[in-house]
């Protein structure tokens, strides 16, 4: 089974994933890691998104997991408008419940950010260039050649733009948390 098929198998049923994700997975199937910093494109083989939301499968069904950081942080499509992830914002859900942010307006924008080479997208200072941009050098070449995507030197503008047009993920999580655990939780 390919990496893309495994990702597809572990997202909410009926989710339409972007073709760009399939192509990135094919690139990874052919070339392997590293791709960009310490981040990985990988399936949610162990129910991480559901566990992140305290086994609330209804809340977890609003997210389509496609990657992770080295600490277990989650990269996911936020399925705000149904099961079509092709235009869904990309979010980072921190492994300890912190640094929950909208990273990109959609997967295309996420690839521009991912290709920069940050170690950990939810924790690095995106105002500055990454410490080891060479970790993504081959991936940037592939992105430009295969998808006509170029990456900026820093990710701040991509994230700023995404956050201008998307709801605040931390606020959404806080509302869910209070409903699930009570106002004083």
Protein backbone atom coordinates (compact mmCIF):
# COMPACT_ATOMS: atom_id res chain seq x y z
CA UNK A 1 0.00 0.00 0.00
CA UNK A 2 1.36 3.45 -0.90
CA UNK A 3 1.82 6.26 1.58
CA UNK A 4 -1.08 8.16 -0.02
CA UNK A 5 -3.38 5.14 0.22
CA UNK A 6 -2.49 4.75 3.89
CA UNK A 7 -3.22 8.44 4.54
CA UNK A 8 -6.52 8.14 2.63
CA UNK A 9 -7.43 5.06 4.65
CA UNK A 10 -7.01 6.95 7.94
CA UNK A 11 -8.86 10.22 7.27
CA UNK A 12 -12.61 10.70 7.84
CA UNK A 13 -14.62 8.62 5.39
CA UNK A 14 -15.46 10.48 2.20
CA UNK A 15 -12.62 13.01 2.54
CA UNK A 16 -11.36 14.26 -0.81
CA UNK A 17 -7.62 14.83 -0.55
CA UNK A 18 -5.71 17.16 -2.90
CA UNK A 19 -3.93 15.60 -5.85
CA UNK A 20 -0.83 17.52 -4.74
CA UNK A 21 -0.73 15.37 -1.59
CA UNK A 22 -0.82 12.21 -3.72
CA UNK A 23 2.06 13.53 -5.82
CA UNK A 24 4.12 14.46 -2.73
CA UNK A 25 3.51 10.97 -1.36
CA UNK A 26 4.71 9.46 -4.64
CA UNK A 27 7.82 11.63 -4.41
CA UNK A 28 8.41 10.30 -0.88
CA UNK A 29 7.74 6.70 -1.95
CA UNK A 30 10.48 7.14 -4.57
CA UNK A 31 13.00 9.26 -2.66
CA UNK A 32 12.42 8.69 1.06
CA UNK A 33 13.30 11.10 3.86
CA UNK A 34 14.43 13.72 4.72
CA UNK A 35 11.89 15.92 2.97
CA UNK A 36 11.86 19.12 5.05
CA UNK A 37 13.33 19.60 8.50
CA UNK A 38 12.07 17.05 11.00
CA UNK A 39 8.48 17.06 9.72
CA UNK A 40 7.00 13.99 8.04
CA UNK A 41 4.14 13.31 5.69
CA UNK A 42 2.60 10.16 7.15
CA UNK A 43 -0.70 8.46 7.89
CA UNK A 44 -2.50 8.44 11.22
CA UNK A 45 -2.00 4.69 11.66
CA UNK A 46 -2.59 4.80 15.41
CA UNK A 47 -5.59 7.12 15.82
CA UNK A 48 -3.54 10.13 16.90
CA UNK A 49 -6.09 12.75 15.87
CA UNK A 50 -8.87 11.04 17.83
CA UNK A 51 -6.60 10.65 20.87
CA UNK A 52 -5.61 14.33 20.59
CA UNK A 53 -9.29 15.21 21.02
CA UNK A 54 -9.76 12.93 24.04
CA UNK A 55 -11.32 10.18 21.90
CA UNK A 56 -14.09 12.54 20.76
CA UNK A 57 -14.58 11.01 17.30
CA UNK A 58 -17.11 13.70 16.31
CA UNK A 59 -14.60 16.50 16.89
CA UNK A 60 -11.78 14.46 15.35
CA UNK A 61 -13.87 13.99 12.19
CA UNK A 62 -13.30 17.69 11.44
CA UNK A 63 -9.63 16.97 10.78
CA UNK A 64 -7.80 14.90 8.18
CA UNK A 65 -4.35 14.00 9.51
CA UNK A 66 -1.55 13.82 6.95
CA UNK A 67 1.68 14.46 8.82
CA UNK A 68 3.54 14.94 12.07
CA UNK A 69 6.47 16.55 13.77
CA UNK A 70 9.17 14.68 15.69
CA UNK A 71 7.40 15.27 19.01
CA UNK A 72 4.06 13.91 17.80
CA UNK A 73 2.59 17.25 16.78
CA UNK A 74 -0.04 16.84 14.08
CA UNK A 75 -0.34 18.36 10.61
CA UNK A 76 -3.92 18.21 9.42
CA UNK A 77 -6.51 19.53 7.03
CA UNK A 78 -9.19 21.39 8.99
CA UNK A 79 -12.40 20.28 7.30
CA UNK A 80 -14.38 23.46 7.95
CA UNK A 81 -16.61 23.18 4.89
CA UNK A 82 -17.26 19.48 4.51
CA UNK A 83 -15.08 16.60 3.41
CA UNK A 84 -13.32 18.33 0.50
CA UNK A 85 -9.79 18.98 1.77
CA UNK A 86 -8.59 20.55 -1.49
CA UNK A 87 -9.36 24.04 -0.15
CA UNK A 88 -9.19 23.32 3.59
CA UNK A 89 -6.78 25.23 5.82
CA UNK A 90 -3.79 23.35 7.20
CA UNK A 91 -3.34 23.34 10.96
CA UNK A 92 -0.64 22.38 13.42
CA UNK A 93 -1.88 20.73 16.62
CA UNK A 94 0.91 20.69 19.18
CA UNK A 95 1.66 17.41 20.93
CA UNK A 96 1.10 18.96 24.35
CA UNK A 97 -1.97 20.95 23.33
CA UNK A 98 -0.02 24.16 22.70
CA UNK A 99 1.07 25.96 19.54
CA UNK A 100 -2.21 25.14 17.80
CA UNK A 101 -2.18 27.37 14.75
CA UNK A 102 -3.43 27.69 11.21
CA UNK A 103 -0.32 27.30 9.04
CA UNK A 104 -1.62 27.69 5.49
CA UNK A 105 -4.74 28.63 3.61
CA UNK A 106 -4.71 25.33 1.68
CA UNK A 107 -2.37 22.49 0.77
CA UNK A 108 -0.78 24.39 -2.12
CA UNK A 109 0.21 27.20 0.27
CA UNK A 110 1.32 24.62 2.81
CA UNK A 111 3.76 23.17 0.26
CA UNK A 112 5.28 26.64 -0.18
CA UNK A 113 5.79 26.72 3.61
CA UNK A 114 6.86 23.09 3.95
CA UNK A 115 9.48 23.47 1.25
CA UNK A 116 11.31 26.21 3.14
CA UNK A 117 12.95 23.64 5.42
CA UNK A 118 11.91 24.53 8.96
CA UNK A 119 12.64 21.88 11.57
CA UNK A 120 9.23 22.10 13.25
CA UNK A 121 6.57 24.26 11.65
CA UNK A 122 4.53 24.84 14.80
CA UNK A 123 7.48 25.87 16.94
CA UNK A 124 10.12 27.53 14.75
CA UNK A 125 10.24 31.32 14.34
CA UNK A 126 8.75 31.68 10.86
CA UNK A 127 9.84 35.34 10.74
CA UNK A 128 13.40 34.05 10.22
CA UNK A 129 14.85 31.67 7.65
CA UNK A 130 15.23 28.09 8.92
CA UNK A 131 18.50 26.98 10.49
CA UNK A 132 18.93 24.14 7.97
CA UNK A 133 17.13 25.04 4.72
CA UNK A 134 19.24 22.43 2.93
CA UNK A 135 17.03 19.74 4.52
CA UNK A 136 14.43 20.66 1.91
CA UNK A 137 16.73 21.51 -1.02
CA UNK A 138 15.80 18.44 -3.11
CA UNK A 139 12.14 18.88 -2.25
CA UNK A 140 12.21 22.54 -3.36
CA UNK A 141 13.70 21.51 -6.71
CA UNK A 142 10.98 18.89 -7.09
CA UNK A 143 8.22 21.35 -6.07
CA UNK A 144 9.33 23.86 -8.68
CA UNK A 145 9.85 21.29 -11.44
CA UNK A 146 6.74 19.16 -10.83
CA UNK A 147 4.18 21.53 -9.29
CA UNK A 148 5.53 24.97 -10.30
CA UNK A 149 5.66 25.94 -6.63
CA UNK A 150 8.36 28.27 -5.38
CA UNK A 151 9.12 28.77 -1.71
CA UNK A 152 9.91 32.07 -0.02
CA UNK A 153 12.83 32.48 2.39
CA UNK A 154 10.55 32.70 5.42
CA UNK A 155 7.08 31.43 6.23
CA UNK A 156 5.64 34.38 8.15
CA UNK A 157 3.61 35.82 5.28
CA UNK A 158 2.07 32.46 4.35
CA UNK A 159 0.91 31.93 7.94
CA UNK A 160 -0.25 35.54 8.34
CA UNK A 161 -2.32 35.28 5.16
CA UNK A 162 -3.85 31.97 6.24
CA UNK A 163 -4.77 33.31 9.65
CA UNK A 164 -6.44 36.34 8.08
CA UNK A 165 -8.85 34.14 6.15
CA UNK A 166 -9.37 31.22 8.55
CA UNK A 167 -11.01 30.99 11.94
CA UNK A 168 -8.67 30.78 14.92
CA UNK A 169 -7.98 27.09 15.58
CA UNK A 170 -7.06 27.71 19.22
CA UNK A 171 -10.38 29.49 19.80
CA UNK A 172 -12.25 26.57 18.19
CA UNK A 173 -10.38 24.11 20.42
CA UNK A 174 -11.10 26.22 23.51
CA UNK A 175 -14.84 26.26 22.71
CA UNK A 176 -14.85 22.49 22.16
CA UNK A 177 -12.90 21.95 25.39
CA UNK A 178 -15.34 24.03 27.48
CA UNK A 179 -18.35 22.22 25.97
CA UNK A 180 -16.78 18.83 26.63
CA UNK A 181 -15.25 19.43 30.04
CA UNK A 182 -17.21 22.37 31.44
CA UNK A 183 -16.66 26.10 31.83
CA UNK A 184 -14.21 25.74 34.73
CA UNK A 185 -12.06 23.08 33.11
